[in-house]
PDB file of N, CA and C in Angstrom:
ATOM      1  N   MET A   1      14.316  -6.056 -11.003  1.00  0.00           N
ATOM      2  CA  MET A   1      14.429  -5.358  -9.538  1.00  0.00           C
ATOM      3  C   MET A   1      13.207  -4.616  -9.270  1.00  0.00           C
ATOM      4  N   GLU A   2      12.569  -4.646  -8.370  1.00  0.00           N
ATOM      5  CA  GLU A   2      11.712  -3.610  -7.707  1.00  0.00           C
ATOM      6  C   GLU A   2      12.118  -2.955  -6.461  1.00  0.00           C
ATOM      7  N   TYR A   3      11.350  -1.742  -6.334  1.00  0.00           N
ATOM      8  CA  TYR A   3      11.534  -0.874  -5.360  1.00  0.00           C
ATOM      9  C   TYR A   3      10.191  -0.442  -4.832  1.00  0.00           C
ATOM     10  N   VAL A   4      10.455  -0.372  -3.572  1.00  0.00           N
ATOM     11  CA  VAL A   4       8.981   0.273  -2.504  1.00  0.00           C
ATOM     12  C   VAL A   4       9.526   1.349  -1.929  1.00  0.00           C
ATOM     13  N   TYR A   5       8.983   2.732  -2.234  1.00  0.00           N
ATOM     14  CA  TYR A   5       9.154   3.675  -1.626  1.00  0.00           C
ATOM     15  C   TYR A   5       7.847   4.060  -0.329  1.00  0.00           C
ATOM     16  N   VAL A   6       8.128   4.624   0.413  1.00  0.00           N
ATOM     17  CA  VAL A   6       7.071   4.750   1.613  1.00  0.00           C
ATOM     18  C   VAL A   6       7.044   5.788   2.147  1.00  0.00           C
ATOM     19  N   ASN A   7       5.715   6.559   2.389  1.00  0.00           N
ATOM     20  CA  ASN A   7       5.499   7.826   2.998  1.00  0.00           C
ATOM     21  C   ASN A   7       4.973   7.562   4.418  1.00  0.00           C
ATOM     22  N   THR A   8       5.486   7.316   5.379  1.00  0.00           N
ATOM     23  CA  THR A   8       5.028   6.529   6.907  1.00  0.00           C
ATOM     24  C   THR A   8       5.049   7.500   7.892  1.00  0.00           C
ATOM     25  N   ASP A   9       4.459   7.373   8.749  1.00  0.00           N
ATOM     26  CA  ASP A   9       4.532   7.674  10.216  1.00  0.00           C
ATOM     27  C   ASP A   9       5.880   7.027  11.046  1.00  0.00           C
ATOM     28  N   THR A  10       6.494   7.622  11.323  1.00  0.00           N
ATOM     29  CA  THR A  10       7.744   7.040  12.387  1.00  0.00           C
ATOM     30  C   THR A  10       7.344   6.528  13.816  1.00  0.00           C
ATOM     31  N   ARG A  11       6.114   6.833  14.083  1.00  0.00           N
ATOM     32  CA  ARG A  11       5.643   6.519  15.374  1.00  0.00           C
ATOM     33  C   ARG A  11       5.373   4.963  15.353  1.00  0.00           C
ATOM     34  N   LEU A  12       4.893   4.483  14.231  1.00  0.00           N
ATOM     35  CA  LEU A  12       5.085   2.921  14.046  1.00  0.00           C
ATOM     36  C   LEU A  12       6.285   2.415  14.307  1.00  0.00           C
ATOM     37  N   SER A  13       6.257   1.115  14.676  1.00  0.00           N
ATOM     38  CA  SER A  13       7.476   0.340  14.899  1.00  0.00           C
ATOM     39  C   SER A  13       7.984  -0.042  13.412  1.00  0.00           C
ATOM     40  N   GLN A  14       9.559  -0.185  13.503  1.00  0.00           N
ATOM     41  CA  GLN A  14      10.387  -0.487  12.308  1.00  0.00           C
ATOM     42  C   GLN A  14       9.590  -1.949  11.520  1.00  0.00           C
ATOM     43  N   GLU A  15       9.377  -2.685  12.614  1.00  0.00           N
ATOM     44  CA  GLU A  15       8.535  -4.261  12.418  1.00  0.00           C
ATOM     45  C   GLU A  15       7.315  -3.929  11.444  1.00  0.00           C
ATOM     46  N   ALA A  16       6.495  -2.982  12.051  1.00  0.00           N
ATOM     47  CA  ALA A  16       5.126  -2.746  11.205  1.00  0.00           C
ATOM     48  C   ALA A  16       5.422  -2.283   9.879  1.00  0.00           C
ATOM     49  N   ARG A  17       6.137  -1.161  10.160  1.00  0.00           N
ATOM     50  CA  ARG A  17       6.685  -0.460   8.689  1.00  0.00           C
ATOM     51  C   ARG A  17       6.996  -1.632   7.676  1.00  0.00           C
ATOM     52  N   GLU A  18       8.061  -2.330   8.069  1.00  0.00           N
ATOM     53  CA  GLU A  18       8.373  -3.430   7.179  1.00  0.00           C
ATOM     54  C   GLU A  18       7.271  -4.603   6.769  1.00  0.00           C
ATOM     55  N   ASP A  19       6.555  -4.736   7.644  1.00  0.00           N
ATOM     56  CA  ASP A  19       5.203  -5.645   7.433  1.00  0.00           C
ATOM     57  C   ASP A  19       4.381  -4.992   6.411  1.00  0.00           C
ATOM     58  N   LEU A  20       4.019  -3.704   6.455  1.00  0.00           N
ATOM     59  CA  LEU A  20       3.200  -2.974   5.663  1.00  0.00           C
ATOM     60  C   LEU A  20       4.085  -2.945   4.064  1.00  0.00           C
ATOM     61  N   VAL A  21       5.327  -2.919   4.064  1.00  0.00           N
ATOM     62  CA  VAL A  21       6.002  -2.786   2.867  1.00  0.00           C
ATOM     63  C   VAL A  21       5.746  -4.164   2.151  1.00  0.00           C
ATOM     64  N   VAL A  22       6.160  -5.090   2.910  1.00  0.00           N
ATOM     65  CA  VAL A  22       5.817  -6.678   2.307  1.00  0.00           C
ATOM     66  C   VAL A  22       4.393  -6.750   1.887  1.00  0.00           C
ATOM     67  N   ALA A  23       3.421  -6.358   2.579  1.00  0.00           N
ATOM     68  CA  ALA A  23       2.033  -6.229   2.210  1.00  0.00           C
ATOM     69  C   ALA A  23       1.792  -5.808   0.834  1.00  0.00           C
ATOM     70  N   ALA A  24       2.152  -4.391   0.767  1.00  0.00           N
ATOM     71  CA  ALA A  24       1.990  -3.830  -0.391  1.00  0.00           C
ATOM     72  C   ALA A  24       2.670  -4.404  -1.816  1.00  0.00           C
ATOM     73  N   PHE A  25       3.929  -4.713  -1.459  1.00  0.00           N
ATOM     74  CA  PHE A  25       4.915  -5.428  -2.571  1.00  0.00           C
ATOM     75  C   PHE A  25       4.356  -6.594  -2.918  1.00  0.00           C
ATOM     76  N   ASP A  26       3.644  -7.561  -1.939  1.00  0.00           N
ATOM     77  CA  ASP A  26       2.785  -9.043  -2.630  1.00  0.00           C
ATOM     78  C   ASP A  26       1.333  -8.549  -3.250  1.00  0.00           C
ATOM     79  N   MET A  27       0.851  -7.292  -2.964  1.00  0.00           N
ATOM     80  CA  MET A  27      -0.094  -6.979  -3.505  1.00  0.00           C
ATOM     81  C   MET A  27       0.149  -6.302  -5.041  1.00  0.00           C
ATOM     82  N   TYR A  28       1.095  -5.818  -5.098  1.00  0.00           N
ATOM     83  CA  TYR A  28       1.716  -5.363  -6.580  1.00  0.00           C
ATOM     84  C   TYR A  28       1.885  -6.769  -7.351  1.00  0.00           C
ATOM     85  N   LEU A  29       2.662  -7.833  -6.701  1.00  0.00           N
ATOM     86  CA  LEU A  29       2.962  -9.079  -7.405  1.00  0.00           C
ATOM     87  C   LEU A  29       1.977  -9.585  -7.843  1.00  0.00           C
ATOM     88  N   ASP A  30       0.873  -9.947  -6.926  1.00  0.00           N
ATOM     89  CA  ASP A  30      -0.311 -10.633  -7.351  1.00  0.00           C
ATOM     90  C   ASP A  30      -1.404  -9.776  -7.850  1.00  0.00           C
ATOM     91  N   SER A  31      -1.206  -8.498  -8.134  1.00  0.00           N
ATOM     92  CA  SER A  31      -2.153  -7.747  -8.790  1.00  0.00           C
ATOM     93  C   SER A  31      -3.511  -7.612  -7.818  1.00  0.00           C
ATOM     94  N   LYS A  32      -3.247  -7.433  -7.018  1.00  0.00           N
ATOM     95  CA  LYS A  32      -4.400  -7.430  -5.794  1.00  0.00           C
ATOM     96  C   LYS A  32      -4.852  -5.722  -5.762  1.00  0.00           C
ATOM     97  N   LYS A  33      -6.313  -5.531  -5.611  1.00  0.00           N
ATOM     98  CA  LYS A  33      -6.563  -4.158  -5.295  1.00  0.00           C
ATOM     99  C   LYS A  33      -6.722  -3.634  -3.785  1.00  0.00           C
ATOM    100  N   SER A  34      -6.843  -4.962  -3.185  1.00  0.00           N
ATOM    101  CA  SER A  34      -7.139  -4.597  -1.518  1.00  0.00           C
ATOM    102  C   SER A  34      -6.724  -5.797  -0.938  1.00  0.00           C
ATOM    103  N   ARG A  35      -6.103  -5.537   0.577  1.00  0.00           N
ATOM    104  CA  ARG A  35      -5.725  -6.162   1.405  1.00  0.00           C
ATOM    105  C   ARG A  35      -5.843  -5.489   2.845  1.00  0.00           C
ATOM    106  N   SER A  36      -6.398  -6.578   3.894  1.00  0.00           N
ATOM    107  CA  SER A  36      -6.509  -5.911   5.222  1.00  0.00           C
ATOM    108  C   SER A  36      -4.989  -6.491   5.763  1.00  0.00           C
ATOM    109  N   VAL A  37      -4.836  -5.753   6.705  1.00  0.00           N
ATOM    110  CA  VAL A  37      -3.294  -5.821   7.151  1.00  0.00           C
ATOM    111  C   VAL A  37      -3.869  -5.439   8.751  1.00  0.00           C
ATOM    112  N   GLY A  38      -2.760  -5.981   9.805  1.00  0.00           N
ATOM    113  CA  GLY A  38      -2.542  -5.720  10.981  1.00  0.00           C
ATOM    114  C   GLY A  38      -1.670  -6.447  11.733  1.00  0.00           C
ATOM    115  N   GLY A  39      -1.219  -5.878  13.024  1.00  0.00           N
ATOM    116  CA  GLY A  39       0.062  -6.242  13.700  1.00  0.00           C
ATOM    117  C   GLY A  39      -0.245  -5.472  15.030  1.00  0.00           C
ATOM    118  N   ASP A  40       0.883  -5.850  15.569  1.00  0.00           N
ATOM    119  CA  ASP A  40       1.215  -5.220  17.025  1.00  0.00           C
ATOM    120  C   ASP A  40       0.729  -3.494  16.807  1.00  0.00           C
ATOM    121  N   GLY A  41      -0.225  -3.226  17.256  1.00  0.00           N
ATOM    122  CA  GLY A  41      -0.660  -1.646  17.454  1.00  0.00           C
ATOM    123  C   GLY A  41      -1.315  -1.219  16.271  1.00  0.00           C
ATOM    124  N   TYR A  42      -1.408  -2.075  15.229  1.00  0.00           N
ATOM    125  CA  TYR A  42      -2.229  -1.158  14.105  1.00  0.00           C
ATOM    126  C   TYR A  42      -3.125  -2.315  13.360  1.00  0.00           C
ATOM    127  N   GLN A  43      -4.156  -2.015  12.724  1.00  0.00           N
ATOM    128  CA  GLN A  43      -4.742  -2.794  11.963  1.00  0.00           C
ATOM    129  C   GLN A  43      -5.480  -1.822  10.795  1.00  0.00           C
ATOM    130  N   GLY A  44      -5.813  -2.242   9.558  1.00  0.00           N
ATOM    131  CA  GLY A  44      -6.386  -1.656   8.627  1.00  0.00           C
ATOM    132  C   GLY A  44      -6.442  -2.238   7.139  1.00  0.00           C
ATOM    133  N   ARG A  45      -6.379  -1.208   6.138  1.00  0.00           N
ATOM    134  CA  ARG A  45      -6.457  -1.850   4.887  1.00  0.00           C
ATOM    135  C   ARG A  45      -5.715  -1.262   3.805  1.00  0.00           C
ATOM    136  N   ILE A  46      -4.795  -1.793   2.943  1.00  0.00           N
ATOM    137  CA  ILE A  46      -4.148  -1.294   1.865  1.00  0.00           C
ATOM    138  C   ILE A  46      -4.906  -1.488   0.625  1.00  0.00           C
ATOM    139  N   THR A  47      -4.864  -0.481  -0.137  1.00  0.00           N
ATOM    140  CA  THR A  47      -5.816  -0.391  -1.406  1.00  0.00           C
ATOM    141  C   THR A  47      -4.985   0.322  -2.557  1.00  0.00           C
ATOM    142  N   THR A  48      -5.111  -0.076  -3.783  1.00  0.00           N
ATOM    143  CA  THR A  48      -4.988   0.757  -4.808  1.00  0.00           C
ATOM    144  C   THR A  48      -6.012   0.504  -5.749  1.00  0.00           C
ATOM    145  N   ASP A  49      -5.642   1.470  -6.793  1.00  0.00           N
ATOM    146  CA  ASP A  49      -6.658   1.576  -7.775  1.00  0.00           C
ATOM    147  C   ASP A  49      -5.923   1.601  -9.229  1.00  0.00           C
ATOM    148  N   GLY A  50      -4.944   1.130  -9.029  1.00  0.00           N
ATOM    149  CA  GLY A  50      -3.983   0.602 -10.234  1.00  0.00           C
ATOM    150  C   GLY A  50      -3.061   1.767 -10.819  1.00  0.00           C
ATOM    151  N   ARG A  51      -3.548   3.068 -10.486  1.00  0.00           N
ATOM    152  CA  ARG A  51      -2.993   4.190 -10.835  1.00  0.00           C
ATOM    153  C   ARG A  51      -1.454   4.539 -10.657  1.00  0.00           C
ATOM    154  N   HIS A  52      -0.922   4.892 -11.578  1.00  0.00           N
ATOM    155  CA  HIS A  52       0.765   5.230 -11.407  1.00  0.00           C
ATOM    156  C   HIS A  52       0.910   6.346 -10.757  1.00  0.00           C
ATOM    157  N   PHE A  53       1.958   6.816 -10.446  1.00  0.00           N
ATOM    158  CA  PHE A  53       2.427   8.005  -9.496  1.00  0.00           C
ATOM    159  C   PHE A  53       3.863   8.210  -9.809  1.00  0.00           C
ATOM    160  N   VAL A  54       4.331   9.392 -10.431  1.00  0.00           N
ATOM    161  CA  VAL A  54       5.528  10.001 -10.502  1.00  0.00           C
ATOM    162  C   VAL A  54       6.182  10.544  -9.198  1.00  0.00           C
ATOM    163  N   LEU A  55       7.463  10.150  -8.877  1.00  0.00           N
ATOM    164  CA  LEU A  55       8.131  10.749  -7.311  1.00  0.00           C
ATOM    165  C   LEU A  55       9.538  11.080  -7.834  1.00  0.00           C
ATOM    166  N   GLY A  56       9.999  12.309  -8.449  1.00  0.00           N
ATOM    167  CA  GLY A  56      11.157  12.590  -9.218  1.00  0.00           C
ATOM    168  C   GLY A  56      11.266  11.830 -10.246  1.00  0.00           C
ATOM    169  N   ALA A  57      12.571  11.117 -10.159  1.00  0.00           N
ATOM    170  CA  ALA A  57      13.054  10.371 -11.386  1.00  0.00           C
ATOM    171  C   ALA A  57      12.148   8.893 -11.521  1.00  0.00           C
ATOM    172  N   PHE A  58      11.412   8.703 -10.598  1.00  0.00           N
ATOM    173  CA  PHE A  58      10.887   7.250 -10.179  1.00  0.00           C
ATOM    174  C   PHE A  58       9.257   7.405 -10.350  1.00  0.00           C
ATOM    175  N   GLY A  59       8.716   6.202 -11.102  1.00  0.00           N
ATOM    176  CA  GLY A  59       7.498   6.005 -11.071  1.00  0.00           C
ATOM    177  C   GLY A  59       6.796   4.708 -10.889  1.00  0.00           C
ATOM    178  N   GLY A  60       5.568   4.602 -10.385  1.00  0.00           N
ATOM    179  CA  GLY A  60       5.161   3.250 -10.074  1.00  0.00           C
ATOM    180  C   GLY A  60       3.741   3.101  -9.535  1.00  0.00           C
ATOM    181  N   GLN A  61       3.432   2.041  -9.461  1.00  0.00           N
ATOM    182  CA  GLN A  61       1.996   1.969  -8.788  1.00  0.00           C
ATOM    183  C   GLN A  61       1.745   2.365  -7.192  1.00  0.00           C
ATOM    184  N   ARG A  62       0.665   3.481  -7.110  1.00  0.00           N
ATOM    185  CA  ARG A  62       0.471   3.861  -6.025  1.00  0.00           C
ATOM    186  C   ARG A  62      -0.590   3.122  -4.983  1.00  0.00           C
ATOM    187  N   PHE A  63      -0.101   2.922  -3.767  1.00  0.00           N
ATOM    188  CA  PHE A  63      -0.907   1.977  -2.548  1.00  0.00           C
ATOM    189  C   PHE A  63      -1.184   3.051  -1.486  1.00  0.00           C
ATOM    190  N   SER A  64      -2.390   2.821  -0.965  1.00  0.00           N
ATOM    191  CA  SER A  64      -2.976   3.634   0.007  1.00  0.00           C
ATOM    192  C   SER A  64      -2.764   2.800   1.491  1.00  0.00           C
ATOM    193  N   ALA A  65      -2.745   3.144   2.506  1.00  0.00           N
ATOM    194  CA  ALA A  65      -3.140   2.512   3.781  1.00  0.00           C
ATOM    195  C   ALA A  65      -3.642   3.288   4.506  1.00  0.00           C
ATOM    196  N   SER A  66      -5.133   2.812   5.249  1.00  0.00           N
ATOM    197  CA  SER A  66      -5.800   3.677   6.053  1.00  0.00           C
ATOM    198  C   SER A  66      -5.689   2.522   7.272  1.00  0.00           C
ATOM    199  N   LEU A  67      -5.226   3.089   8.561  1.00  0.00           N
ATOM    200  CA  LEU A  67      -4.843   2.242   9.387  1.00  0.00           C
ATOM    201  C   LEU A  67      -5.534   2.936  10.658  1.00  0.00           C
ATOM    202  N   ASP A  68      -5.779   2.198  11.809  1.00  0.00           N
ATOM    203  CA  ASP A  68      -6.399   2.544  13.083  1.00  0.00           C
ATOM    204  C   ASP A  68      -5.095   2.149  14.016  1.00  0.00           C
ATOM    205  N   THR A  69      -4.597   2.928  14.663  1.00  0.00           N
ATOM    206  CA  THR A  69      -3.308   2.617  15.196  1.00  0.00           C
ATOM    207  C   THR A  69      -3.333   2.755  16.730  1.00  0.00           C
ATOM    208  N   ASP A  70      -2.380   2.507  17.714  1.00  0.00           N
ATOM    209  CA  ASP A  70      -2.354   3.186  19.005  1.00  0.00           C
ATOM    210  C   ASP A  70      -2.057   4.489  19.026  1.00  0.00           C
ATOM    211  N   PHE A  71      -1.801   5.158  17.944  1.00  0.00           N
ATOM    212  CA  PHE A  71      -1.383   6.324  18.123  1.00  0.00           C
ATOM    213  C   PHE A  71      -2.828   7.292  17.306  1.00  0.00           C
ATOM    214  N   GLY A  72      -3.602   6.498  17.181  1.00  0.00           N
ATOM    215  CA  GLY A  72      -4.723   7.040  16.376  1.00  0.00           C
ATOM    216  C   GLY A  72      -4.852   6.745  14.868  1.00  0.00           C
ATOM    217  N   LYS A  73      -5.569   7.518  13.877  1.00  0.00           N
ATOM    218  CA  LYS A  73      -5.625   7.309  12.705  1.00  0.00           C
ATOM    219  C   LYS A  73      -4.709   7.640  11.787  1.00  0.00           C
ATOM    220  N   MET A  74      -3.895   6.713  10.897  1.00  0.00           N
ATOM    221  CA  MET A  74      -2.924   7.174   9.925  1.00  0.00           C
ATOM    222  C   MET A  74      -3.365   6.815   8.488  1.00  0.00           C
ATOM    223  N   GLN A  75      -2.550   7.545   7.403  1.00  0.00           N
ATOM    224  CA  GLN A  75      -2.432   7.471   6.484  1.00  0.00           C
ATOM    225  C   GLN A  75      -1.091   7.148   5.839  1.00  0.00           C
ATOM    226  N   LEU A  76      -1.126   6.348   4.840  1.00  0.00           N
ATOM    227  CA  LEU A  76       0.344   5.815   4.484  1.00  0.00           C
ATOM    228  C   LEU A  76       0.102   5.809   3.123  1.00  0.00           C
ATOM    229  N   GLU A  77       1.444   6.185   2.324  1.00  0.00           N
ATOM    230  CA  GLU A  77       1.090   5.893   1.135  1.00  0.00           C
ATOM    231  C   GLU A  77       2.603   5.194   0.461  1.00  0.00           C
ATOM    232  N   PHE A  78       2.334   4.152  -0.486  1.00  0.00           N
ATOM    233  CA  PHE A  78       3.479   3.292  -0.922  1.00  0.00           C
ATOM    234  C   PHE A  78       3.455   3.737  -2.529  1.00  0.00           C
ATOM    235  N   LEU A  79       4.805   3.292  -3.141  1.00  0.00           N
ATOM    236  CA  LEU A  79       5.082   3.701  -4.443  1.00  0.00           C
ATOM    237  C   LEU A  79       5.838   2.242  -4.786  1.00  0.00           C
ATOM    238  N   VAL A  80       5.259   1.471  -5.440  1.00  0.00           N
ATOM    239  CA  VAL A  80       5.851   0.233  -5.858  1.00  0.00           C
ATOM    240  C   VAL A  80       6.151   0.306  -7.244  1.00  0.00           C
ATOM    241  N   THR A  81       7.613   0.263  -7.753  1.00  0.00           N
ATOM    242  CA  THR A  81       8.190   0.137  -8.731  1.00  0.00           C
ATOM    243  C   THR A  81       8.697  -0.943  -9.380  1.00  0.00           C
ATOM    244  N   SER A  82       8.855  -1.282 -10.791  1.00  0.00           N
ATOM    245  CA  SER A  82       9.971  -2.145 -11.142  1.00  0.00           C
ATOM    246  C   SER A  82      11.053  -1.578 -12.095  1.00  0.00           C
ATOM    247  N   LYS A  83      12.164  -1.876 -11.919  1.00  0.00           N
ATOM    248  CA  LYS A  83      13.268  -1.421 -12.841  1.00  0.00           C
ATOM    249  C   LYS A  83      13.945  -2.347 -13.653  1.00  0.00           C
ATOM    250  N   THR A  84      13.847  -2.067 -14.907  1.00  0.00           N
ATOM    251  CA  THR A  84      14.445  -3.293 -15.625  1.00  0.00           C
ATOM    252  C   THR A  84      15.656  -2.997 -16.129  1.00  0.00           C
ATOM    253  N   ARG A  85      16.485  -3.891 -16.243  1.00  0.00           N
ATOM    254  CA  ARG A  85      17.967  -3.511 -16.826  1.00  0.00           C
ATOM    255  C   ARG A  85      18.132  -3.466 -18.373  1.00  0.00           C
ATOM    256  N   LYS A  86      18.435  -2.652 -18.953  1.00  0.00           N
ATOM    257  CA  LYS A  86      18.712  -2.524 -20.265  1.00  0.00           C
ATOM    258  C   LYS A  86      19.829  -3.245 -20.921  1.00  0.00           C
ATOM    259  N   ARG A  87      19.833  -4.087 -21.731  1.00  0.00           N
ATOM    260  CA  ARG A  87      20.928  -4.880 -22.248  1.00  0.00           C
ATOM    261  C   ARG A  87      21.574  -3.938 -23.202  1.00  0.00           C
ATOM    262  N   SER A  88      22.803  -4.095 -23.302  1.00  0.00           N
ATOM    263  CA  SER A  88      23.584  -3.077 -24.272  1.00  0.00           C
ATOM    264  C   SER A  88      23.714  -4.010 -25.548  1.00  0.00           C
ATOM    265  N   HIS A  89      23.883  -3.609 -26.582  1.00  0.00           N
ATOM    266  CA  HIS A  89      23.804  -4.094 -27.880  1.00  0.00           C
ATOM    267  C   HIS A  89      24.919  -3.799 -28.613  1.00  0.00           C
ATOM    268  N   SER A  90      25.798  -4.886 -29.064  1.00  0.00           N
ATOM    269  CA  SER A  90      26.952  -4.296 -29.791  1.00  0.00           C
ATOM    270  C   SER A  90      26.766  -4.400 -31.017  1.00  0.00           C
ATOM    271  N   THR A  91      27.294  -3.467 -31.966  1.00  0.00           N
ATOM    272  CA  THR A  91      26.923  -3.106 -33.431  1.00  0.00           C
ATOM    273  C   THR A  91      28.283  -3.352 -34.300  1.00  0.00           C
ATOM    274  N   ASN A  92      28.827  -4.460 -34.175  1.00  0.00           N
ATOM    275  CA  ASN A  92      30.210  -4.529 -35.132  1.00  0.00           C
ATOM    276  C   ASN A  92      29.807  -4.993 -36.449  1.00  0.00           C
TER     277      ASN A  92
END
């Protein structure tokens, strides 16, 4: 199970925020370090140096987006994490 946490600017449309989350998640799955992104009202680049970041009880790989938007320059942060389910073992 994977999760993506986003620190974003709400002036971006819901569709743009979802597209950026998908792009960061795809980068995580493909082990990519950088990706150009663009859509209606924004363009820029998402990057990661592979470092992990902790947010409360969650930790994961950190991604940053630098965007030129209709509202000016924006910086967004993404935290992509994988959660594995532990199996319980019976000892009878």
